[in-house]
């Protein structure tokens, strides 16, 4: 723990030791899928640049955060929370965005306006990522009614891909900023003391807990692209659905098509060499009978091994 504090004080952060595995093709795919406006520029960091210290006007982004509802430009609600929290957007685990945005959707569904940071801090505590420097996550306090948001999917293997965003990433078109800006460079943070809330803010939390059996409280289901668009947390342009036209321009789609054509040509050449006729178009034949062997389910990153990272899903803290 003492070594971690010293590392933060002298500006040594774990992200700077992580090799960036993101490619230009993946960056272009992300741009197309989430419909970034032309006013936001995306690029990979150069070898001489620190991920924890982006150049002026730029911010570090992990692509996995978009699966958790994070969007650029920032929604005013997310902007306000980040300003209050005082951390760079990617210093916090992606699951934190699921919790924030799920609370927003719950409050809106019940006609309660917007949840405040005090209400969030009353339900969740900020903790350092164990064994690393510069990353944080949140953990639910033990409450009689249980955590407000449940079933948050754990986003693992998110640290090894990142890029810089610059331009108009902080405010959406038409939004009026308060003048205060979101922190863009990694720095130290302090855990907050659990604030006491009363009056209307307490009544709202009690209302949500009373309605738990009648409303959706799953973070996974409260932050789907359609829900984000419904509550204007993401515009239809960047909610995450790619049109056929965009998919046709996507580097991944073009690669698959080029591989398919290469296999087709190779198959025809082998058929002609053996003296056979035209083999006809390449097709995929489904199996006639289902396999009796158990199916191997791969993780999102394609690995069959369980990720050994600490699970950062928001779970109740038994010590509280």
C-alpha atoms as a PDB file:
ATOM      1  CA  UNK A   1       0.000   0.000   0.000  1.00  0.00           C
ATOM      2  CA  UNK A   2       2.803   2.413   0.878  1.00  0.00           C
ATOM      3  CA  UNK A   3       4.517   1.684  -2.451  1.00  0.00           C
ATOM      4  CA  UNK A   4       1.286   2.469  -4.294  1.00  0.00           C
ATOM      5  CA  UNK A   5       0.964   5.833  -2.554  1.00  0.00           C
ATOM      6  CA  UNK A   6       4.566   6.726  -3.405  1.00  0.00           C
ATOM      7  CA  UNK A   7       4.011   5.681  -7.032  1.00  0.00           C
ATOM      8  CA  UNK A   8       0.996   7.987  -7.294  1.00  0.00           C
ATOM      9  CA  UNK A   9       2.866  10.894  -5.786  1.00  0.00           C
ATOM     10  CA  UNK A  10       5.651  10.672  -8.357  1.00  0.00           C
ATOM     11  CA  UNK A  11       3.257  10.040 -11.239  1.00  0.00           C
ATOM     12  CA  UNK A  12       3.880   6.322 -11.849  1.00  0.00           C
ATOM     13  CA  UNK A  13       0.634   4.640 -12.882  1.00  0.00           C
ATOM     14  CA  UNK A  14      -0.063   1.031 -13.806  1.00  0.00           C
ATOM     15  CA  UNK A  15      -1.657   1.961 -17.158  1.00  0.00           C
ATOM     16  CA  UNK A  16       1.731   3.171 -18.419  1.00  0.00           C
ATOM     17  CA  UNK A  17       3.100  -0.370 -18.039  1.00  0.00           C
ATOM     18  CA  UNK A  18       0.266  -1.953 -20.040  1.00  0.00           C
ATOM     19  CA  UNK A  19       1.078  -2.678 -23.699  1.00  0.00           C
ATOM     20  CA  UNK A  20      -1.621  -1.264 -25.936  1.00  0.00           C
ATOM     21  CA  UNK A  21      -3.050  -4.045 -28.134  1.00  0.00           C
ATOM     22  CA  UNK A  22      -5.587  -1.898 -29.965  1.00  0.00           C
ATOM     23  CA  UNK A  23      -5.177  -1.659 -33.733  1.00  0.00           C
ATOM     24  CA  UNK A  24      -6.078   1.020 -36.271  1.00  0.00           C
ATOM     25  CA  UNK A  25      -8.700  -1.345 -37.693  1.00  0.00           C
ATOM     26  CA  UNK A  26     -10.381  -1.736 -34.303  1.00  0.00           C
ATOM     27  CA  UNK A  27     -10.341   2.026 -33.828  1.00  0.00           C
ATOM     28  CA  UNK A  28     -12.052   2.537 -37.185  1.00  0.00           C
ATOM     29  CA  UNK A  29     -14.595  -0.165 -36.331  1.00  0.00           C
ATOM     30  CA  UNK A  30     -15.365   1.642 -33.054  1.00  0.00           C
ATOM     31  CA  UNK A  31     -15.802   4.946 -34.875  1.00  0.00           C
ATOM     32  CA  UNK A  32     -18.303   3.425 -37.291  1.00  0.00           C
ATOM     33  CA  UNK A  33     -20.214   1.413 -34.695  1.00  0.00           C
ATOM     34  CA  UNK A  34     -20.773   4.302 -32.288  1.00  0.00           C
ATOM     35  CA  UNK A  35     -21.092   7.082 -34.832  1.00  0.00           C
ATOM     36  CA  UNK A  36     -18.507   9.529 -33.501  1.00  0.00           C
ATOM     37  CA  UNK A  37     -19.073  13.009 -34.952  1.00  0.00           C
ATOM     38  CA  UNK A  38     -16.368  14.448 -37.171  1.00  0.00           C
ATOM     39  CA  UNK A  39     -15.570  16.978 -34.431  1.00  0.00           C
ATOM     40  CA  UNK A  40     -14.053  14.190 -32.302  1.00  0.00           C
ATOM     41  CA  UNK A  41     -10.679  12.857 -33.405  1.00  0.00           C
ATOM     42  CA  UNK A  42      -9.480   9.393 -32.403  1.00  0.00           C
ATOM     43  CA  UNK A  43      -5.919   8.109 -32.539  1.00  0.00           C
ATOM     44  CA  UNK A  44      -3.617   5.579 -30.911  1.00  0.00           C
ATOM     45  CA  UNK A  45      -0.963   6.918 -28.501  1.00  0.00           C
ATOM     46  CA  UNK A  46       2.571   7.178 -29.860  1.00  0.00           C
ATOM     47  CA  UNK A  47       5.371   5.207 -28.247  1.00  0.00           C
ATOM     48  CA  UNK A  48       6.767   8.322 -26.566  1.00  0.00           C
ATOM     49  CA  UNK A  49       3.406   9.248 -24.972  1.00  0.00           C
ATOM     50  CA  UNK A  50       2.172   8.155 -21.557  1.00  0.00           C
ATOM     51  CA  UNK A  51      -1.362   6.789 -21.481  1.00  0.00           C
ATOM     52  CA  UNK A  52      -1.899   8.317 -18.019  1.00  0.00           C
ATOM     53  CA  UNK A  53      -0.885  11.800 -19.222  1.00  0.00           C
ATOM     54  CA  UNK A  54      -2.688  12.553 -22.501  1.00  0.00           C
ATOM     55  CA  UNK A  55      -1.669  15.678 -24.428  1.00  0.00           C
ATOM     56  CA  UNK A  56      -3.604  18.874 -23.747  1.00  0.00           C
ATOM     57  CA  UNK A  57      -7.098  18.639 -25.164  1.00  0.00           C
ATOM     58  CA  UNK A  58      -7.048  14.829 -25.284  1.00  0.00           C
ATOM     59  CA  UNK A  59      -8.466  12.144 -23.008  1.00  0.00           C
ATOM     60  CA  UNK A  60      -7.664   8.432 -22.625  1.00  0.00           C
ATOM     61  CA  UNK A  61     -10.502   6.039 -23.497  1.00  0.00           C
ATOM     62  CA  UNK A  62     -10.879   2.256 -23.177  1.00  0.00           C
ATOM     63  CA  UNK A  63     -13.182   0.803 -25.870  1.00  0.00           C
ATOM     64  CA  UNK A  64     -14.766  -1.635 -23.378  1.00  0.00           C
ATOM     65  CA  UNK A  65     -16.330   1.325 -21.560  1.00  0.00           C
ATOM     66  CA  UNK A  66     -18.725   1.777 -24.500  1.00  0.00           C
ATOM     67  CA  UNK A  67     -20.238  -1.624 -23.681  1.00  0.00           C
ATOM     68  CA  UNK A  68     -21.131  -0.121 -20.300  1.00  0.00           C
ATOM     69  CA  UNK A  69     -23.005   2.897 -21.660  1.00  0.00           C
ATOM     70  CA  UNK A  70     -20.137   5.384 -21.824  1.00  0.00           C
ATOM     71  CA  UNK A  71     -20.432   7.693 -24.840  1.00  0.00           C
ATOM     72  CA  UNK A  72     -18.634  10.599 -26.474  1.00  0.00           C
ATOM     73  CA  UNK A  73     -19.434  13.447 -26.347  1.00  0.00           C
ATOM     74  CA  UNK A  74     -20.193  13.135 -22.650  1.00  0.00           C
ATOM     75  CA  UNK A  75     -23.786  13.286 -21.481  1.00  0.00           C
ATOM     76  CA  UNK A  76     -24.251  16.237 -19.050  1.00  0.00           C
ATOM     77  CA  UNK A  77     -25.121  13.809 -16.237  1.00  0.00           C
ATOM     78  CA  UNK A  78     -21.903  11.820 -16.759  1.00  0.00           C
ATOM     79  CA  UNK A  79     -19.933  15.057 -17.133  1.00  0.00           C
ATOM     80  CA  UNK A  80     -21.235  16.331 -13.792  1.00  0.00           C
ATOM     81  CA  UNK A  81     -20.424  13.076 -12.009  1.00  0.00           C
ATOM     82  CA  UNK A  82     -16.898  12.945 -13.395  1.00  0.00           C
ATOM     83  CA  UNK A  83     -16.270  16.554 -12.344  1.00  0.00           C
ATOM     84  CA  UNK A  84     -17.494  15.794  -8.838  1.00  0.00           C
ATOM     85  CA  UNK A  85     -15.528  12.557  -8.624  1.00  0.00           C
ATOM     86  CA  UNK A  86     -12.362  14.339  -9.758  1.00  0.00           C
ATOM     87  CA  UNK A  87     -10.873  11.388 -11.658  1.00  0.00           C
ATOM     88  CA  UNK A  88     -10.056  10.960 -15.317  1.00  0.00           C
ATOM     89  CA  UNK A  89     -12.829   9.018 -17.158  1.00  0.00           C
ATOM     90  CA  UNK A  90     -10.731   5.864 -17.504  1.00  0.00           C
ATOM     91  CA  UNK A  91      -9.391   5.818 -13.951  1.00  0.00           C
ATOM     92  CA  UNK A  92     -12.606   4.103 -12.944  1.00  0.00           C
ATOM     93  CA  UNK A  93     -13.660   0.575 -13.815  1.00  0.00           C
ATOM     94  CA  UNK A  94     -16.146   0.455 -16.736  1.00  0.00           C
ATOM     95  CA  UNK A  95     -18.759  -1.089 -14.425  1.00  0.00           C
ATOM     96  CA  UNK A  96     -19.030   2.225 -12.580  1.00  0.00           C
ATOM     97  CA  UNK A  97     -20.713   3.673 -15.672  1.00  0.00           C
ATOM     98  CA  UNK A  98     -23.276   0.866 -15.595  1.00  0.00           C
ATOM     99  CA  UNK A  99     -24.129   1.817 -12.013  1.00  0.00           C
ATOM    100  CA  UNK A 100     -24.306   5.555 -12.656  1.00  0.00           C
ATOM    101  CA  UNK A 101     -26.420   5.248 -15.775  1.00  0.00           C
ATOM    102  CA  UNK A 102     -28.696   2.575 -14.273  1.00  0.00           C
ATOM    103  CA  UNK A 103     -29.473   4.899 -11.349  1.00  0.00           C
ATOM    104  CA  UNK A 104     -30.262   7.651 -13.848  1.00  0.00           C
ATOM    105  CA  UNK A 105     -32.676   5.396 -15.763  1.00  0.00           C
ATOM    106  CA  UNK A 106     -34.357   4.210 -12.540  1.00  0.00           C
ATOM    107  CA  UNK A 107     -34.906   7.750 -11.312  1.00  0.00           C
ATOM    108  CA  UNK A 108     -36.314   8.804 -14.687  1.00  0.00           C
ATOM    109  CA  UNK A 109     -38.619   5.790 -14.896  1.00  0.00           C
ATOM    110  CA  UNK A 110     -40.081   6.632 -11.482  1.00  0.00           C
ATOM    111  CA  UNK A 111     -40.385  10.347 -12.245  1.00  0.00           C
ATOM    112  CA  UNK A 112     -37.773  11.320  -9.648  1.00  0.00           C
ATOM    113  CA  UNK A 113     -35.626  13.578 -11.816  1.00  0.00           C
ATOM    114  CA  UNK A 114     -31.867  12.902 -11.704  1.00  0.00           C
ATOM    115  CA  UNK A 115     -30.038  11.122  -8.865  1.00  0.00           C
ATOM    116  CA  UNK A 116     -27.476  13.290  -7.116  1.00  0.00           C
ATOM    117  CA  UNK A 117     -23.855  12.427  -6.448  1.00  0.00           C
ATOM    118  CA  UNK A 118     -24.667  12.421  -2.713  1.00  0.00           C
ATOM    119  CA  UNK A 119     -27.265   9.699  -3.301  1.00  0.00           C
ATOM    120  CA  UNK A 120     -24.769   7.668  -5.288  1.00  0.00           C
ATOM    121  CA  UNK A 121     -22.051   8.096  -2.637  1.00  0.00           C
ATOM    122  CA  UNK A 122     -24.551   7.092   0.049  1.00  0.00           C
ATOM    123  CA  UNK A 123     -25.046   3.740  -1.679  1.00  0.00           C
ATOM    124  CA  UNK A 124     -21.537   3.008  -3.000  1.00  0.00           C
ATOM    125  CA  UNK A 125     -17.996   3.466  -1.717  1.00  0.00           C
ATOM    126  CA  UNK A 126     -14.898   4.196  -3.812  1.00  0.00           C
ATOM    127  CA  UNK A 127     -12.054   1.683  -3.616  1.00  0.00           C
ATOM    128  CA  UNK A 128      -8.625   1.290  -5.159  1.00  0.00           C
ATOM    129  CA  UNK A 129      -8.041  -1.526  -7.592  1.00  0.00           C
ATOM    130  CA  UNK A 130      -5.928  -4.017  -5.586  1.00  0.00           C
ATOM    131  CA  UNK A 131      -2.297  -4.302  -6.604  1.00  0.00           C
ATOM    132  CA  UNK A 132      -2.346  -1.416  -9.072  1.00  0.00           C
ATOM    133  CA  UNK A 133      -1.924   2.333  -9.114  1.00  0.00           C
ATOM    134  CA  UNK A 134      -4.387   4.801 -10.576  1.00  0.00           C
ATOM    135  CA  UNK A 135      -7.488   2.605 -11.052  1.00  0.00           C
ATOM    136  CA  UNK A 136     -10.625   2.707  -8.905  1.00  0.00           C
ATOM    137  CA  UNK A 137     -13.929   0.885  -8.628  1.00  0.00           C
ATOM    138  CA  UNK A 138     -17.063   1.145  -6.491  1.00  0.00           C
ATOM    139  CA  UNK A 139     -18.550  -1.312  -4.036  1.00  0.00           C
ATOM    140  CA  UNK A 140     -22.091  -1.267  -2.661  1.00  0.00           C
ATOM    141  CA  UNK A 141     -22.580  -0.567   1.017  1.00  0.00           C
ATOM    142  CA  UNK A 142     -24.514  -3.207   2.911  1.00  0.00           C
ATOM    143  CA  UNK A 143     -28.131  -2.049   3.045  1.00  0.00           C
ATOM    144  CA  UNK A 144     -31.199  -3.753   4.440  1.00  0.00           C
ATOM    145  CA  UNK A 145     -32.907  -3.401   1.073  1.00  0.00           C
ATOM    146  CA  UNK A 146     -29.876  -4.627  -0.877  1.00  0.00           C
ATOM    147  CA  UNK A 147     -27.911  -2.863  -3.610  1.00  0.00           C
ATOM    148  CA  UNK A 148     -29.940  -0.507  -5.780  1.00  0.00           C
ATOM    149  CA  UNK A 149     -28.418  -1.966  -8.948  1.00  0.00           C
ATOM    150  CA  UNK A 150     -27.854  -5.710  -9.323  1.00  0.00           C
ATOM    151  CA  UNK A 151     -26.339  -8.162 -11.788  1.00  0.00           C
ATOM    152  CA  UNK A 152     -23.673  -5.852 -13.149  1.00  0.00           C
ATOM    153  CA  UNK A 153     -21.712  -7.790 -15.793  1.00  0.00           C
ATOM    154  CA  UNK A 154     -18.008  -7.871 -15.046  1.00  0.00           C
ATOM    155  CA  UNK A 155     -15.901  -6.233 -17.736  1.00  0.00           C
ATOM    156  CA  UNK A 156     -12.547  -7.978 -17.738  1.00  0.00           C
ATOM    157  CA  UNK A 157      -9.443  -7.605 -19.871  1.00  0.00           C
ATOM    158  CA  UNK A 158     -10.345  -3.976 -20.563  1.00  0.00           C
ATOM    159  CA  UNK A 159      -7.022  -2.356 -19.669  1.00  0.00           C
ATOM    160  CA  UNK A 160      -4.925  -3.545 -22.620  1.00  0.00           C
ATOM    161  CA  UNK A 161      -6.744  -1.544 -25.298  1.00  0.00           C
ATOM    162  CA  UNK A 162      -6.954   2.235 -25.307  1.00  0.00           C
ATOM    163  CA  UNK A 163      -6.793   5.342 -27.485  1.00  0.00           C
ATOM    164  CA  UNK A 164      -6.799   9.131 -27.269  1.00  0.00           C
ATOM    165  CA  UNK A 165      -9.855  11.244 -28.135  1.00  0.00           C
ATOM    166  CA  UNK A 166      -9.550  14.954 -28.833  1.00  0.00           C
ATOM    167  CA  UNK A 167     -11.724  17.742 -30.172  1.00  0.00           C
ATOM    168  CA  UNK A 168     -15.290  18.245 -28.929  1.00  0.00           C
ATOM    169  CA  UNK A 169     -15.416  15.098 -26.779  1.00  0.00           C
ATOM    170  CA  UNK A 170     -16.482  16.817 -23.550  1.00  0.00           C
ATOM    171  CA  UNK A 171     -19.737  18.586 -24.459  1.00  0.00           C
ATOM    172  CA  UNK A 172     -22.536  17.606 -26.805  1.00  0.00           C
ATOM    173  CA  UNK A 173     -23.777  20.076 -29.402  1.00  0.00           C
ATOM    174  CA  UNK A 174     -26.142  22.506 -27.718  1.00  0.00           C
ATOM    175  CA  UNK A 175     -25.070  21.653 -24.162  1.00  0.00           C
ATOM    176  CA  UNK A 176     -24.019  24.593 -22.047  1.00  0.00           C
ATOM    177  CA  UNK A 177     -20.964  23.791 -19.933  1.00  0.00           C
ATOM    178  CA  UNK A 178     -20.467  25.225 -16.460  1.00  0.00           C
ATOM    179  CA  UNK A 179     -16.888  26.199 -17.218  1.00  0.00           C
ATOM    180  CA  UNK A 180     -15.502  23.373 -15.056  1.00  0.00           C
ATOM    181  CA  UNK A 181     -13.767  20.655 -17.028  1.00  0.00           C
ATOM    182  CA  UNK A 182     -13.394  16.922 -16.537  1.00  0.00           C
ATOM    183  CA  UNK A 183      -9.994  15.769 -15.296  1.00  0.00           C
ATOM    184  CA  UNK A 184      -8.067  14.178 -18.182  1.00  0.00           C
ATOM    185  CA  UNK A 185      -4.801  13.109 -16.556  1.00  0.00           C
ATOM    186  CA  UNK A 186      -4.406  10.367 -13.972  1.00  0.00           C
ATOM    187  CA  UNK A 187      -3.868  11.602 -10.431  1.00  0.00           C
ATOM    188  CA  UNK A 188      -4.503  10.670  -6.830  1.00  0.00           C
ATOM    189  CA  UNK A 189      -7.967  10.512  -5.334  1.00  0.00           C
ATOM    190  CA  UNK A 190      -9.365  10.134  -1.838  1.00  0.00           C
ATOM    191  CA  UNK A 191     -12.100   7.776  -0.770  1.00  0.00           C
ATOM    192  CA  UNK A 192     -15.238   9.626   0.162  1.00  0.00           C
ATOM    193  CA  UNK A 193     -16.892   9.369   3.547  1.00  0.00           C
ATOM    194  CA  UNK A 194     -20.405   7.989   3.273  1.00  0.00           C
ATOM    195  CA  UNK A 195     -22.631  11.089   3.266  1.00  0.00           C
ATOM    196  CA  UNK A 196     -25.837  11.158   5.242  1.00  0.00           C
ATOM    197  CA  UNK A 197     -28.899  12.105   3.236  1.00  0.00           C
ATOM    198  CA  UNK A 198     -32.308  13.203   4.409  1.00  0.00           C
ATOM    199  CA  UNK A 199     -35.489  14.749   3.174  1.00  0.00           C
ATOM    200  CA  UNK A 200     -36.391  14.351  -0.490  1.00  0.00           C
ATOM    201  CA  UNK A 201     -33.140  12.569  -1.421  1.00  0.00           C
ATOM    202  CA  UNK A 202     -33.698   9.914   1.251  1.00  0.00           C
ATOM    203  CA  UNK A 203     -37.327   9.524   0.230  1.00  0.00           C
ATOM    204  CA  UNK A 204     -36.274   8.873  -3.363  1.00  0.00           C
ATOM    205  CA  UNK A 205     -33.897   6.064  -2.377  1.00  0.00           C
ATOM    206  CA  UNK A 206     -36.589   4.529  -0.166  1.00  0.00           C
ATOM    207  CA  UNK A 207     -39.030   4.763  -3.074  1.00  0.00           C
ATOM    208  CA  UNK A 208     -36.637   2.856  -5.354  1.00  0.00           C
ATOM    209  CA  UNK A 209     -36.096   0.167  -2.707  1.00  0.00           C
ATOM    210  CA  UNK A 210     -39.851  -0.209  -2.180  1.00  0.00           C
ATOM    211  CA  UNK A 211     -40.405  -0.561  -5.927  1.00  0.00           C
ATOM    212  CA  UNK A 212     -37.630  -3.141  -6.364  1.00  0.00           C
ATOM    213  CA  UNK A 213     -40.060  -6.000  -6.926  1.00  0.00           C
ATOM    214  CA  UNK A 214     -41.978  -4.062  -9.591  1.00  0.00           C
ATOM    215  CA  UNK A 215     -39.171  -2.491 -11.620  1.00  0.00           C
ATOM    216  CA  UNK A 216     -36.059  -3.604 -13.478  1.00  0.00           C
ATOM    217  CA  UNK A 217     -32.943  -3.164 -11.334  1.00  0.00           C
ATOM    218  CA  UNK A 218     -30.483  -5.189 -13.411  1.00  0.00           C
ATOM    219  CA  UNK A 219     -27.618  -2.993 -14.545  1.00  0.00           C
ATOM    220  CA  UNK A 220     -27.174  -5.146 -17.639  1.00  0.00           C
ATOM    221  CA  UNK A 221     -30.759  -4.559 -18.769  1.00  0.00           C
ATOM    222  CA  UNK A 222     -30.933  -0.904 -17.774  1.00  0.00           C
ATOM    223  CA  UNK A 223     -28.033   0.076 -20.037  1.00  0.00           C
ATOM    224  CA  UNK A 224     -28.901  -1.615 -23.320  1.00  0.00           C
ATOM    225  CA  UNK A 225     -28.456   0.559 -26.444  1.00  0.00           C
ATOM    226  CA  UNK A 226     -32.220   0.991 -26.833  1.00  0.00           C
ATOM    227  CA  UNK A 227     -32.667   2.083 -23.195  1.00  0.00           C
ATOM    228  CA  UNK A 228     -29.745   4.515 -23.467  1.00  0.00           C
ATOM    229  CA  UNK A 229     -31.329   6.043 -26.572  1.00  0.00           C
ATOM    230  CA  UNK A 230     -34.803   6.169 -24.971  1.00  0.00           C
ATOM    231  CA  UNK A 231     -33.497   8.255 -22.063  1.00  0.00           C
ATOM    232  CA  UNK A 232     -31.215  10.339 -24.306  1.00  0.00           C
ATOM    233  CA  UNK A 233     -28.042   8.962 -22.735  1.00  0.00           C
ATOM    234  CA  UNK A 234     -26.996   8.042 -26.267  1.00  0.00           C
ATOM    235  CA  UNK A 235     -28.245   9.464 -29.540  1.00  0.00           C
ATOM    236  CA  UNK A 236     -29.505   7.091 -32.264  1.00  0.00           C
ATOM    237  CA  UNK A 237     -26.238   7.848 -34.063  1.00  0.00           C
ATOM    238  CA  UNK A 238     -24.011   6.479 -31.296  1.00  0.00           C
ATOM    239  CA  UNK A 239     -26.133   3.956 -29.420  1.00  0.00           C
ATOM    240  CA  UNK A 240     -24.016   1.126 -30.810  1.00  0.00           C
ATOM    241  CA  UNK A 241     -25.974  -0.378 -33.697  1.00  0.00           C
ATOM    242  CA  UNK A 242     -24.125  -0.450 -37.027  1.00  0.00           C
ATOM    243  CA  UNK A 243     -26.070   0.030 -40.242  1.00  0.00           C
ATOM    244  CA  UNK A 244     -25.488  -2.302 -43.214  1.00  0.00           C
ATOM    245  CA  UNK A 245     -23.774   0.542 -45.068  1.00  0.00           C
ATOM    246  CA  UNK A 246     -21.354   1.086 -42.176  1.00  0.00           C
ATOM    247  CA  UNK A 247     -20.744  -2.639 -41.827  1.00  0.00           C
ATOM    248  CA  UNK A 248     -19.826  -2.764 -45.506  1.00  0.00           C
ATOM    249  CA  UNK A 249     -17.177  -0.090 -44.862  1.00  0.00           C
ATOM    250  CA  UNK A 250     -15.978  -1.765 -41.678  1.00  0.00           C
ATOM    251  CA  UNK A 251     -12.385  -3.126 -41.960  1.00  0.00           C
ATOM    252  CA  UNK A 252     -13.404  -6.344 -40.179  1.00  0.00           C
ATOM    253  CA  UNK A 253     -16.181  -7.011 -42.682  1.00  0.00           C
ATOM    254  CA  UNK A 254     -13.881  -6.293 -45.612  1.00  0.00           C
ATOM    255  CA  UNK A 255     -11.276  -8.692 -44.200  1.00  0.00           C
ATOM    256  CA  UNK A 256     -13.830 -11.504 -43.867  1.00  0.00           C
ATOM    257  CA  UNK A 257     -15.029 -10.942 -47.431  1.00  0.00           C
ATOM    258  CA  UNK A 258     -11.477 -10.951 -48.822  1.00  0.00           C
ATOM    259  CA  UNK A 259     -10.710 -14.204 -46.963  1.00  0.00           C
ATOM    260  CA  UNK A 260     -13.876 -15.771 -48.311  1.00  0.00           C
ATOM    261  CA  UNK A 261     -12.908 -14.842 -51.879  1.00  0.00           C
ATOM    262  CA  UNK A 262      -9.368 -16.182 -51.382  1.00  0.00           C
ATOM    263  CA  UNK A 263     -10.708 -19.516 -50.105  1.00  0.00           C
ATOM    264  CA  UNK A 264     -13.130 -19.664 -53.038  1.00  0.00           C
ATOM    265  CA  UNK A 265     -10.343 -19.119 -55.569  1.00  0.00           C
ATOM    266  CA  UNK A 266      -8.109 -21.681 -53.875  1.00  0.00           C
ATOM    267  CA  UNK A 267     -10.891 -24.287 -53.876  1.00  0.00           C
ATOM    268  CA  UNK A 268     -11.641 -23.718 -57.561  1.00  0.00           C
ATOM    269  CA  UNK A 269      -7.946 -23.974 -58.489  1.00  0.00           C
ATOM    270  CA  UNK A 270      -7.606 -27.289 -56.634  1.00  0.00           C
ATOM    271  CA  UNK A 271     -10.745 -28.598 -58.314  1.00  0.00           C
ATOM    272  CA  UNK A 272      -9.466 -27.674 -61.797  1.00  0.00           C
ATOM    273  CA  UNK A 273      -6.060 -29.241 -61.030  1.00  0.00           C
ATOM    274  CA  UNK A 274      -7.706 -32.561 -60.140  1.00  0.00           C
ATOM    275  CA  UNK A 275      -9.682 -32.523 -63.395  1.00  0.00           C
ATOM    276  CA  UNK A 276     -13.069 -31.872 -61.876  1.00  0.00           C
ATOM    277  CA  UNK A 277     -15.650 -29.370 -63.044  1.00  0.00           C
ATOM    278  CA  UNK A 278     -16.656 -26.086 -61.532  1.00  0.00           C
ATOM    279  CA  UNK A 279     -17.295 -26.778 -57.828  1.00  0.00           C
ATOM    280  CA  UNK A 280     -19.958 -24.097 -57.637  1.00  0.00           C
ATOM    281  CA  UNK A 281     -20.280 -21.396 -55.019  1.00  0.00           C
ATOM    282  CA  UNK A 282     -18.854 -21.821 -51.543  1.00  0.00           C
ATOM    283  CA  UNK A 283     -21.544 -22.668 -48.987  1.00  0.00           C
ATOM    284  CA  UNK A 284     -21.724 -23.592 -45.327  1.00  0.00           C
ATOM    285  CA  UNK A 285     -23.469 -26.885 -44.536  1.00  0.00           C
ATOM    286  CA  UNK A 286     -24.954 -27.102 -41.024  1.00  0.00           C
ATOM    287  CA  UNK A 287     -24.444 -30.326 -39.043  1.00  0.00           C
ATOM    288  CA  UNK A 288     -27.237 -32.866 -39.503  1.00  0.00           C
ATOM    289  CA  UNK A 289     -27.296 -33.930 -35.884  1.00  0.00           C
ATOM    290  CA  UNK A 290     -26.400 -31.996 -32.754  1.00  0.00           C
ATOM    291  CA  UNK A 291     -23.155 -32.945 -31.061  1.00  0.00           C
ATOM    292  CA  UNK A 292     -23.370 -34.789 -27.767  1.00  0.00           C
ATOM    293  CA  UNK A 293     -20.141 -33.187 -26.569  1.00  0.00           C
ATOM    294  CA  UNK A 294     -20.372 -30.247 -24.206  1.00  0.00           C
ATOM    295  CA  UNK A 295     -20.045 -26.842 -25.821  1.00  0.00           C
ATOM    296  CA  UNK A 296     -17.018 -24.731 -24.900  1.00  0.00           C
ATOM    297  CA  UNK A 297     -18.144 -21.172 -24.257  1.00  0.00           C
ATOM    298  CA  UNK A 298     -15.510 -18.535 -24.848  1.00  0.00           C
ATOM    299  CA  UNK A 299     -15.226 -15.311 -22.895  1.00  0.00           C
ATOM    300  CA  UNK A 300     -15.793 -12.017 -24.700  1.00  0.00           C
ATOM    301  CA  UNK A 301     -12.090 -11.715 -25.420  1.00  0.00           C
ATOM    302  CA  UNK A 302     -11.992 -15.237 -26.925  1.00  0.00           C
ATOM    303  CA  UNK A 303     -10.183 -16.848 -24.012  1.00  0.00           C
ATOM    304  CA  UNK A 304     -11.252 -20.141 -22.440  1.00  0.00           C
ATOM    305  CA  UNK A 305      -9.338 -19.441 -19.272  1.00  0.00           C
ATOM    306  CA  UNK A 306     -11.047 -17.599 -16.480  1.00  0.00           C
ATOM    307  CA  UNK A 307      -9.694 -14.130 -16.228  1.00  0.00           C
ATOM    308  CA  UNK A 308      -7.539 -13.832 -13.136  1.00  0.00           C
ATOM    309  CA  UNK A 309      -8.132 -10.141 -12.695  1.00  0.00           C
ATOM    310  CA  UNK A 310     -10.068  -9.073  -9.650  1.00  0.00           C
ATOM    311  CA  UNK A 311     -13.761  -9.073 -10.517  1.00  0.00           C
ATOM    312  CA  UNK A 312     -14.806  -5.454 -10.471  1.00  0.00           C
ATOM    313  CA  UNK A 313     -18.526  -6.055 -10.577  1.00  0.00           C
ATOM    314  CA  UNK A 314     -20.316  -3.936  -8.038  1.00  0.00           C
ATOM    315  CA  UNK A 315     -21.011  -6.243  -5.116  1.00  0.00           C
ATOM    316  CA  UNK A 316     -21.961  -5.618  -1.494  1.00  0.00           C
ATOM    317  CA  UNK A 317     -18.981  -5.012   0.779  1.00  0.00           C
ATOM    318  CA  UNK A 318     -19.338  -7.399   3.735  1.00  0.00           C
ATOM    319  CA  UNK A 319     -17.097  -5.205   5.917  1.00  0.00           C
ATOM    320  CA  UNK A 320     -19.477  -2.263   5.769  1.00  0.00           C
END
